[in-house]
């Protein structure tokens, strides 16, 4: 099951773009719960999950954000998906945090993030088309299309396995 199905956040039909979200910024000592890197060092890549109790988890990129969502028992002991109130990723062009469930994600491009091959969040279809053309993206996905298999493919650097861009 895709993460979006769990959270009810999958975008449906036409949309203007991902809405901006107001989330706390990571502090200088906040570390990614997936890889252990200091998140604030990578402001162009930050993703954040905010829980109902006010606790925020910050990530050094969308790839680790999705790993966390796909395996919360491993990374978020004592927390569950129904406790999440807001999720945001940093839009590549605007460098602002946008609603994770509304963003588009480019995979297999020539743009590398802090953890290598990365999912690149894009706020709207026009930006996504431009990015895919300019950066040789292999696959463009909605939130609910990002799977564990896609994440493993990126980690392995097997970009051909992502398929060709439409």
N, C-alpha and C. Protein backbone atom coordinates (compact mmCIF):
# COMPACT_ATOMS: atom_id res chain seq x y z
N UNK A 1 0.84 -1.17 0.00
CA UNK A 1 0.00 0.00 0.00
C UNK A 1 0.88 1.23 0.00
N UNK A 2 0.60 2.22 -0.84
CA UNK A 2 1.36 3.45 -0.87
C UNK A 2 1.12 4.27 0.38
N UNK A 3 2.09 5.09 0.74
CA UNK A 3 1.98 5.92 1.93
C UNK A 3 0.78 6.83 1.88
N UNK A 4 0.44 7.34 0.71
CA UNK A 4 -0.66 8.29 0.61
C UNK A 4 -1.98 7.63 1.01
N UNK A 5 -2.12 6.36 0.71
CA UNK A 5 -3.35 5.68 1.08
C UNK A 5 -3.50 5.64 2.60
N UNK A 6 -2.39 5.48 3.28
CA UNK A 6 -2.40 5.46 4.73
C UNK A 6 -2.84 6.80 5.28
N UNK A 7 -2.40 7.89 4.68
CA UNK A 7 -2.65 9.22 5.20
C UNK A 7 -3.81 9.92 4.52
N UNK A 8 -4.38 9.32 3.46
CA UNK A 8 -5.48 9.97 2.76
C UNK A 8 -5.05 11.26 2.07
N UNK A 9 -3.80 11.34 1.63
CA UNK A 9 -3.28 12.57 1.09
C UNK A 9 -2.98 12.51 -0.40
N UNK A 10 -3.34 11.45 -1.05
CA UNK A 10 -3.01 11.33 -2.47
C UNK A 10 -3.75 12.39 -3.27
N UNK A 11 -3.04 13.12 -4.11
CA UNK A 11 -3.71 14.12 -4.93
C UNK A 11 -4.63 13.44 -5.94
N UNK A 12 -5.77 14.03 -6.15
CA UNK A 12 -6.75 13.47 -7.09
C UNK A 12 -7.06 14.50 -8.16
N UNK A 13 -6.97 14.09 -9.41
CA UNK A 13 -7.34 14.95 -10.52
C UNK A 13 -6.39 16.12 -10.71
N UNK A 14 -6.84 17.10 -11.46
CA UNK A 14 -6.02 18.27 -11.78
C UNK A 14 -5.84 19.13 -10.54
N UNK A 15 -4.69 19.76 -10.45
CA UNK A 15 -4.43 20.65 -9.33
C UNK A 15 -3.47 21.72 -9.78
N UNK A 16 -3.52 22.85 -9.11
CA UNK A 16 -2.65 23.97 -9.48
C UNK A 16 -1.23 23.74 -9.00
N UNK A 17 -1.08 23.06 -7.89
CA UNK A 17 0.25 22.81 -7.36
C UNK A 17 0.18 22.56 -5.88
N UNK A 18 1.30 22.18 -5.32
CA UNK A 18 1.37 21.87 -3.90
C UNK A 18 1.30 23.15 -3.09
N UNK A 19 0.47 23.15 -2.08
CA UNK A 19 0.32 24.31 -1.20
C UNK A 19 1.53 24.44 -0.28
N UNK A 20 1.87 25.67 0.05
CA UNK A 20 2.92 25.92 1.03
C UNK A 20 2.43 25.45 2.40
N UNK A 21 3.35 24.93 3.21
CA UNK A 21 3.00 24.50 4.56
C UNK A 21 3.91 25.21 5.56
N UNK A 22 3.36 25.48 6.73
CA UNK A 22 4.10 26.13 7.80
C UNK A 22 4.55 25.05 8.77
N UNK A 23 5.84 24.80 8.77
CA UNK A 23 6.42 23.77 9.63
C UNK A 23 7.63 24.34 10.35
N UNK A 24 7.94 23.81 11.53
CA UNK A 24 9.13 24.30 12.23
C UNK A 24 10.39 23.95 11.46
N UNK A 25 11.37 24.81 11.58
CA UNK A 25 12.67 24.55 10.95
C UNK A 25 13.49 23.66 11.87
N UNK A 26 14.35 22.84 11.31
CA UNK A 26 15.22 22.03 12.16
C UNK A 26 16.26 22.90 12.86
N UNK A 27 16.61 22.50 14.06
CA UNK A 27 17.68 23.18 14.77
C UNK A 27 19.02 22.61 14.35
N UNK A 28 20.10 23.22 14.79
CA UNK A 28 21.44 22.78 14.38
C UNK A 28 21.80 21.37 14.86
N UNK A 29 21.11 20.85 15.85
CA UNK A 29 21.42 19.51 16.37
C UNK A 29 20.40 18.45 15.96
N UNK A 30 19.37 18.84 15.18
CA UNK A 30 18.36 17.87 14.74
C UNK A 30 18.98 16.94 13.70
N UNK A 31 18.79 15.64 13.94
CA UNK A 31 19.33 14.65 13.01
C UNK A 31 18.20 13.89 12.33
N UNK A 32 18.48 13.43 11.12
CA UNK A 32 17.54 12.61 10.37
C UNK A 32 17.40 11.27 11.11
N UNK A 33 16.17 10.85 11.43
CA UNK A 33 15.99 9.59 12.13
C UNK A 33 16.31 8.36 11.28
N UNK A 34 16.48 8.54 9.99
CA UNK A 34 16.78 7.42 9.10
C UNK A 34 18.29 7.24 8.92
N UNK A 35 18.99 8.34 8.63
CA UNK A 35 20.42 8.21 8.31
C UNK A 35 21.36 8.82 9.35
N UNK A 36 20.84 9.66 10.25
CA UNK A 36 21.66 10.25 11.29
C UNK A 36 22.40 11.53 10.91
N UNK A 37 22.17 12.05 9.70
CA UNK A 37 22.84 13.29 9.29
C UNK A 37 22.19 14.49 9.95
N UNK A 38 22.98 15.57 10.17
CA UNK A 38 22.43 16.81 10.69
C UNK A 38 21.64 17.49 9.57
N UNK A 39 20.35 17.65 9.78
CA UNK A 39 19.43 18.09 8.74
C UNK A 39 19.62 19.55 8.35
N UNK A 40 19.87 20.42 9.31
CA UNK A 40 19.95 21.86 9.03
C UNK A 40 21.06 22.21 8.04
N UNK A 41 22.02 21.32 7.87
CA UNK A 41 23.11 21.56 6.91
C UNK A 41 22.63 21.49 5.46
N UNK A 42 21.43 20.99 5.25
CA UNK A 42 20.91 20.77 3.89
C UNK A 42 19.56 21.47 3.70
N UNK A 43 19.50 22.79 3.81
CA UNK A 43 18.21 23.50 3.77
C UNK A 43 17.45 23.34 2.45
N UNK A 44 18.14 23.04 1.38
CA UNK A 44 17.47 22.87 0.09
C UNK A 44 16.75 21.52 -0.03
N UNK A 45 16.95 20.63 0.95
CA UNK A 45 16.43 19.28 0.86
C UNK A 45 15.51 18.88 2.01
N UNK A 46 15.31 19.73 3.00
CA UNK A 46 14.59 19.38 4.23
C UNK A 46 13.17 18.90 3.95
N UNK A 47 12.81 17.83 4.64
CA UNK A 47 11.43 17.34 4.70
C UNK A 47 11.09 17.24 6.18
N UNK A 48 9.83 17.45 6.53
CA UNK A 48 9.43 17.46 7.93
C UNK A 48 8.08 16.78 8.10
N UNK A 49 7.97 16.06 9.19
CA UNK A 49 6.70 15.48 9.63
C UNK A 49 6.38 16.10 10.98
N UNK A 50 5.18 16.63 11.13
CA UNK A 50 4.72 17.21 12.39
C UNK A 50 3.63 16.33 12.97
N UNK A 51 3.80 15.98 14.23
CA UNK A 51 2.83 15.13 14.93
C UNK A 51 1.87 15.99 15.75
N UNK A 52 0.74 15.42 16.10
CA UNK A 52 -0.31 16.14 16.84
C UNK A 52 0.19 16.69 18.17
N UNK A 53 1.17 16.05 18.79
CA UNK A 53 1.68 16.53 20.07
C UNK A 53 2.73 17.63 19.91
N UNK A 54 2.97 18.08 18.67
CA UNK A 54 3.93 19.15 18.41
C UNK A 54 5.33 18.68 18.09
N UNK A 55 5.60 17.39 18.24
CA UNK A 55 6.92 16.86 17.92
C UNK A 55 7.12 16.85 16.40
N UNK A 56 8.29 17.28 15.97
CA UNK A 56 8.62 17.29 14.54
C UNK A 56 9.82 16.39 14.28
N UNK A 57 9.74 15.64 13.21
CA UNK A 57 10.88 14.87 12.71
C UNK A 57 11.32 15.53 11.42
N UNK A 58 12.62 15.74 11.29
CA UNK A 58 13.18 16.38 10.10
C UNK A 58 14.08 15.38 9.37
N UNK A 59 14.11 15.52 8.04
CA UNK A 59 14.85 14.60 7.19
C UNK A 59 15.73 15.40 6.24
N UNK A 60 16.83 14.80 5.82
CA UNK A 60 17.76 15.46 4.91
C UNK A 60 17.39 15.25 3.45
N UNK A 61 16.20 14.80 3.19
CA UNK A 61 15.72 14.63 1.83
C UNK A 61 14.45 13.82 1.80
N UNK A 62 13.76 13.89 0.66
CA UNK A 62 12.50 13.18 0.50
C UNK A 62 12.68 11.66 0.54
N UNK A 63 13.83 11.18 0.10
CA UNK A 63 14.05 9.73 0.10
C UNK A 63 13.99 9.17 1.52
N UNK A 64 14.68 9.80 2.46
CA UNK A 64 14.64 9.33 3.85
C UNK A 64 13.27 9.57 4.48
N UNK A 65 12.62 10.66 4.10
CA UNK A 65 11.25 10.93 4.54
C UNK A 65 10.33 9.76 4.19
N UNK A 66 10.42 9.29 2.94
CA UNK A 66 9.59 8.17 2.51
C UNK A 66 10.01 6.86 3.17
N UNK A 67 11.29 6.67 3.40
CA UNK A 67 11.72 5.46 4.12
C UNK A 67 11.09 5.41 5.50
N UNK A 68 11.07 6.55 6.17
CA UNK A 68 10.46 6.66 7.50
C UNK A 68 8.98 6.30 7.42
N UNK A 69 8.26 6.89 6.48
CA UNK A 69 6.83 6.63 6.36
C UNK A 69 6.55 5.17 6.02
N UNK A 70 7.42 4.56 5.22
CA UNK A 70 7.21 3.17 4.81
C UNK A 70 7.58 2.16 5.89
N UNK A 71 8.28 2.60 6.94
CA UNK A 71 8.67 1.68 8.02
C UNK A 71 8.64 2.40 9.37
N UNK A 72 7.48 2.93 9.72
CA UNK A 72 7.35 3.65 10.99
C UNK A 72 7.66 2.78 12.20
N UNK A 73 7.34 1.49 12.21
CA UNK A 73 7.71 0.69 13.39
C UNK A 73 9.22 0.69 13.65
N UNK A 74 10.01 0.78 12.60
CA UNK A 74 11.47 0.81 12.76
C UNK A 74 11.97 2.19 13.18
N UNK A 75 11.48 3.23 12.52
CA UNK A 75 12.03 4.57 12.72
C UNK A 75 11.27 5.44 13.71
N UNK A 76 10.03 5.13 13.98
CA UNK A 76 9.18 6.01 14.79
C UNK A 76 8.53 5.23 15.93
N UNK A 77 9.33 4.54 16.69
CA UNK A 77 8.79 3.70 17.75
C UNK A 77 7.90 4.52 18.69
N UNK A 78 6.70 4.00 18.93
CA UNK A 78 5.75 4.67 19.80
C UNK A 78 4.87 5.68 19.08
N UNK A 79 5.07 5.85 17.79
CA UNK A 79 4.27 6.79 17.01
C UNK A 79 3.57 6.02 15.90
N UNK A 80 2.47 6.61 15.42
CA UNK A 80 1.75 5.98 14.33
C UNK A 80 1.33 7.04 13.31
N UNK A 81 0.98 6.58 12.14
CA UNK A 81 0.62 7.48 11.05
C UNK A 81 -0.58 8.36 11.39
N UNK A 82 -1.50 7.85 12.19
CA UNK A 82 -2.68 8.66 12.51
C UNK A 82 -2.36 9.84 13.44
N UNK A 83 -1.16 9.90 13.97
CA UNK A 83 -0.73 11.02 14.81
C UNK A 83 -0.12 12.15 13.98
N UNK A 84 0.10 11.93 12.70
CA UNK A 84 0.71 12.94 11.84
C UNK A 84 -0.34 13.98 11.47
N UNK A 85 0.04 15.27 11.63
CA UNK A 85 -0.88 16.34 11.26
C UNK A 85 -0.45 17.04 9.97
N UNK A 86 0.86 17.19 9.74
CA UNK A 86 1.35 17.90 8.57
C UNK A 86 2.65 17.26 8.09
N UNK A 87 2.80 17.21 6.76
CA UNK A 87 4.04 16.71 6.18
C UNK A 87 4.46 17.66 5.06
N UNK A 88 5.72 18.03 5.05
CA UNK A 88 6.20 18.93 4.01
C UNK A 88 7.54 18.51 3.46
N UNK A 89 7.76 18.84 2.19
CA UNK A 89 9.03 18.61 1.51
C UNK A 89 9.47 19.93 0.89
N UNK A 90 10.74 20.08 0.64
CA UNK A 90 11.25 21.32 0.05
C UNK A 90 11.19 21.25 -1.46
N UNK A 91 10.41 22.17 -2.03
CA UNK A 91 10.27 22.28 -3.48
C UNK A 91 11.61 22.68 -4.09
N UNK A 92 12.03 21.99 -5.13
CA UNK A 92 13.33 22.21 -5.75
C UNK A 92 13.51 23.63 -6.26
N UNK A 93 12.53 24.17 -6.95
CA UNK A 93 12.69 25.50 -7.54
C UNK A 93 12.40 26.63 -6.56
N UNK A 94 11.35 26.51 -5.78
CA UNK A 94 10.98 27.57 -4.85
C UNK A 94 11.75 27.55 -3.54
N UNK A 95 12.37 26.41 -3.24
CA UNK A 95 13.10 26.18 -1.99
C UNK A 95 12.23 26.60 -0.80
N UNK A 96 10.96 26.21 -0.86
CA UNK A 96 10.03 26.42 0.24
C UNK A 96 9.37 25.08 0.54
N UNK A 97 8.88 24.94 1.75
CA UNK A 97 8.23 23.69 2.10
C UNK A 97 6.79 23.68 1.59
N UNK A 98 6.46 22.60 0.91
CA UNK A 98 5.12 22.41 0.33
C UNK A 98 4.54 21.10 0.85
N UNK A 99 3.23 20.97 0.74
CA UNK A 99 2.54 19.77 1.21
C UNK A 99 3.08 18.54 0.49
N UNK A 100 3.59 17.61 1.26
CA UNK A 100 4.21 16.40 0.69
C UNK A 100 3.23 15.59 -0.14
N UNK A 101 1.99 15.52 0.28
CA UNK A 101 1.00 14.73 -0.43
C UNK A 101 0.56 15.34 -1.75
N UNK A 102 0.89 16.61 -1.98
CA UNK A 102 0.50 17.29 -3.20
C UNK A 102 1.65 17.49 -4.18
N UNK A 103 2.87 17.29 -3.73
CA UNK A 103 4.05 17.48 -4.58
C UNK A 103 4.18 16.34 -5.58
N UNK A 104 4.97 16.59 -6.61
CA UNK A 104 5.40 15.57 -7.55
C UNK A 104 6.85 15.26 -7.25
N UNK A 105 7.30 14.05 -7.55
CA UNK A 105 8.64 13.61 -7.21
C UNK A 105 9.35 13.07 -8.44
N UNK A 106 10.49 13.68 -8.77
CA UNK A 106 11.30 13.22 -9.90
C UNK A 106 12.37 12.27 -9.36
N UNK A 107 12.55 11.17 -10.04
CA UNK A 107 13.55 10.18 -9.65
C UNK A 107 14.47 9.91 -10.83
N UNK A 108 15.71 9.59 -10.52
CA UNK A 108 16.66 9.19 -11.55
C UNK A 108 17.23 10.33 -12.35
N UNK A 109 17.31 11.51 -11.75
CA UNK A 109 17.84 12.66 -12.48
C UNK A 109 19.34 12.81 -12.23
N UNK A 110 19.91 13.86 -12.83
CA UNK A 110 21.32 14.15 -12.60
C UNK A 110 21.54 15.03 -11.37
N UNK A 111 20.49 15.31 -10.63
CA UNK A 111 20.58 16.10 -9.40
C UNK A 111 20.71 15.14 -8.22
N UNK A 112 21.80 15.29 -7.49
CA UNK A 112 22.04 14.44 -6.32
C UNK A 112 21.76 15.23 -5.05
N UNK A 113 21.23 14.54 -4.05
CA UNK A 113 20.98 15.15 -2.75
C UNK A 113 22.03 14.71 -1.76
N UNK A 114 21.83 15.03 -0.49
CA UNK A 114 22.81 14.67 0.54
C UNK A 114 23.08 13.17 0.63
N UNK A 115 22.09 12.36 0.26
CA UNK A 115 22.25 10.90 0.33
C UNK A 115 22.36 10.28 -1.07
N UNK A 116 22.86 11.06 -2.02
CA UNK A 116 23.06 10.53 -3.37
C UNK A 116 21.82 10.68 -4.23
N UNK A 117 21.47 9.62 -4.97
CA UNK A 117 20.29 9.66 -5.83
C UNK A 117 19.07 9.92 -4.97
N UNK A 118 18.31 10.92 -5.35
CA UNK A 118 17.25 11.44 -4.48
C UNK A 118 15.94 11.59 -5.23
N UNK A 119 14.86 11.61 -4.47
CA UNK A 119 13.57 12.04 -5.00
C UNK A 119 13.57 13.56 -4.93
N UNK A 120 13.31 14.22 -6.04
CA UNK A 120 13.34 15.68 -6.08
C UNK A 120 11.90 16.18 -6.07
N UNK A 121 11.48 16.84 -4.97
CA UNK A 121 10.12 17.35 -4.89
C UNK A 121 9.90 18.58 -5.77
N UNK A 122 8.77 18.59 -6.45
CA UNK A 122 8.41 19.69 -7.34
C UNK A 122 6.97 20.09 -7.05
N UNK A 123 6.73 21.41 -7.01
CA UNK A 123 5.44 21.92 -6.56
C UNK A 123 4.31 21.76 -7.56
N UNK A 124 4.62 21.74 -8.86
CA UNK A 124 3.53 21.65 -9.82
C UNK A 124 3.98 20.98 -11.12
N UNK A 125 3.02 20.72 -11.98
CA UNK A 125 3.28 19.99 -13.21
C UNK A 125 4.22 20.74 -14.15
N UNK A 126 4.10 22.07 -14.21
CA UNK A 126 4.98 22.85 -15.09
C UNK A 126 6.43 22.75 -14.63
N UNK A 127 6.65 22.89 -13.33
CA UNK A 127 8.01 22.74 -12.80
C UNK A 127 8.53 21.32 -13.02
N UNK A 128 7.65 20.35 -12.85
CA UNK A 128 8.05 18.96 -13.04
C UNK A 128 8.48 18.70 -14.49
N UNK A 129 7.72 19.22 -15.44
CA UNK A 129 8.08 19.04 -16.86
C UNK A 129 9.42 19.70 -17.16
N UNK A 130 9.62 20.90 -16.64
CA UNK A 130 10.89 21.60 -16.85
C UNK A 130 12.05 20.83 -16.23
N UNK A 131 11.85 20.36 -15.00
CA UNK A 131 12.91 19.61 -14.31
C UNK A 131 13.25 18.34 -15.08
N UNK A 132 12.25 17.59 -15.48
CA UNK A 132 12.49 16.32 -16.18
C UNK A 132 13.27 16.56 -17.46
N UNK A 133 12.97 17.62 -18.18
CA UNK A 133 13.68 17.93 -19.42
C UNK A 133 15.11 18.41 -19.15
N UNK A 134 15.27 19.25 -18.16
CA UNK A 134 16.58 19.86 -17.88
C UNK A 134 17.54 18.92 -17.15
N UNK A 135 17.01 17.97 -16.39
CA UNK A 135 17.87 17.16 -15.53
C UNK A 135 17.77 15.65 -15.79
N UNK A 136 17.31 15.28 -16.98
CA UNK A 136 17.28 13.88 -17.41
C UNK A 136 16.57 12.97 -16.40
N UNK A 137 15.46 13.45 -15.84
CA UNK A 137 14.70 12.61 -14.92
C UNK A 137 14.19 11.36 -15.60
N UNK A 138 14.20 10.25 -14.88
CA UNK A 138 13.75 8.98 -15.44
C UNK A 138 12.29 8.70 -15.15
N UNK A 139 11.81 9.18 -13.99
CA UNK A 139 10.44 8.85 -13.60
C UNK A 139 9.87 9.97 -12.74
N UNK A 140 8.62 10.32 -13.00
CA UNK A 140 7.91 11.33 -12.23
C UNK A 140 6.76 10.63 -11.52
N UNK A 141 6.65 10.87 -10.20
CA UNK A 141 5.66 10.15 -9.40
C UNK A 141 4.86 11.09 -8.52
N UNK A 142 3.65 10.66 -8.20
CA UNK A 142 2.87 11.28 -7.15
C UNK A 142 3.25 10.62 -5.83
N UNK A 143 2.82 11.22 -4.75
CA UNK A 143 3.12 10.73 -3.40
C UNK A 143 2.84 9.24 -3.25
N UNK A 144 1.67 8.82 -3.69
CA UNK A 144 1.25 7.44 -3.49
C UNK A 144 1.96 6.45 -4.41
N UNK A 145 2.77 6.93 -5.33
CA UNK A 145 3.51 6.06 -6.24
C UNK A 145 4.94 5.78 -5.76
N UNK A 146 5.35 6.46 -4.70
CA UNK A 146 6.69 6.23 -4.17
C UNK A 146 6.63 5.00 -3.28
N UNK A 147 7.33 3.96 -3.70
CA UNK A 147 7.29 2.67 -2.99
C UNK A 147 8.68 2.32 -2.44
N UNK A 148 8.70 1.31 -1.61
CA UNK A 148 9.97 0.81 -1.11
C UNK A 148 10.88 0.35 -2.23
N UNK A 149 10.30 -0.19 -3.28
CA UNK A 149 11.10 -0.64 -4.42
C UNK A 149 11.78 0.55 -5.12
N UNK A 150 11.05 1.65 -5.25
CA UNK A 150 11.64 2.86 -5.86
C UNK A 150 12.80 3.35 -4.99
N UNK A 151 12.60 3.39 -3.69
CA UNK A 151 13.64 3.86 -2.77
C UNK A 151 14.88 2.96 -2.84
N UNK A 152 14.67 1.65 -2.89
CA UNK A 152 15.79 0.72 -3.00
C UNK A 152 16.53 0.89 -4.33
N UNK A 153 15.80 1.15 -5.39
CA UNK A 153 16.41 1.38 -6.70
C UNK A 153 17.29 2.62 -6.67
N UNK A 154 16.81 3.69 -6.04
CA UNK A 154 17.61 4.90 -5.92
C UNK A 154 18.86 4.65 -5.10
N UNK A 155 18.71 3.95 -3.99
CA UNK A 155 19.88 3.63 -3.14
C UNK A 155 20.91 2.81 -3.90
N UNK A 156 20.44 1.91 -4.74
CA UNK A 156 21.35 1.05 -5.51
C UNK A 156 21.97 1.79 -6.70
N UNK A 157 21.41 2.93 -7.05
CA UNK A 157 21.90 3.68 -8.20
C UNK A 157 21.54 3.04 -9.53
N UNK A 158 20.56 2.15 -9.52
CA UNK A 158 20.14 1.44 -10.73
C UNK A 158 19.04 2.26 -11.43
N UNK A 159 19.44 3.38 -12.00
CA UNK A 159 18.48 4.31 -12.58
C UNK A 159 17.73 3.72 -13.76
N UNK A 160 18.34 2.80 -14.49
CA UNK A 160 17.65 2.17 -15.61
C UNK A 160 16.41 1.41 -15.15
N UNK A 161 16.43 0.90 -13.91
CA UNK A 161 15.29 0.17 -13.38
C UNK A 161 14.09 1.07 -13.13
N UNK A 162 14.30 2.37 -13.11
CA UNK A 162 13.19 3.31 -12.92
C UNK A 162 12.36 3.47 -14.18
N UNK A 163 12.89 3.05 -15.31
CA UNK A 163 12.21 3.22 -16.58
C UNK A 163 12.58 4.53 -17.22
N UNK A 164 12.05 4.78 -18.38
CA UNK A 164 12.33 6.01 -19.12
C UNK A 164 11.24 7.02 -18.86
N UNK A 165 11.61 8.28 -18.92
CA UNK A 165 10.63 9.35 -18.74
C UNK A 165 9.61 9.30 -19.86
N UNK A 166 8.35 9.62 -19.54
CA UNK A 166 7.31 9.61 -20.58
C UNK A 166 7.55 10.66 -21.62
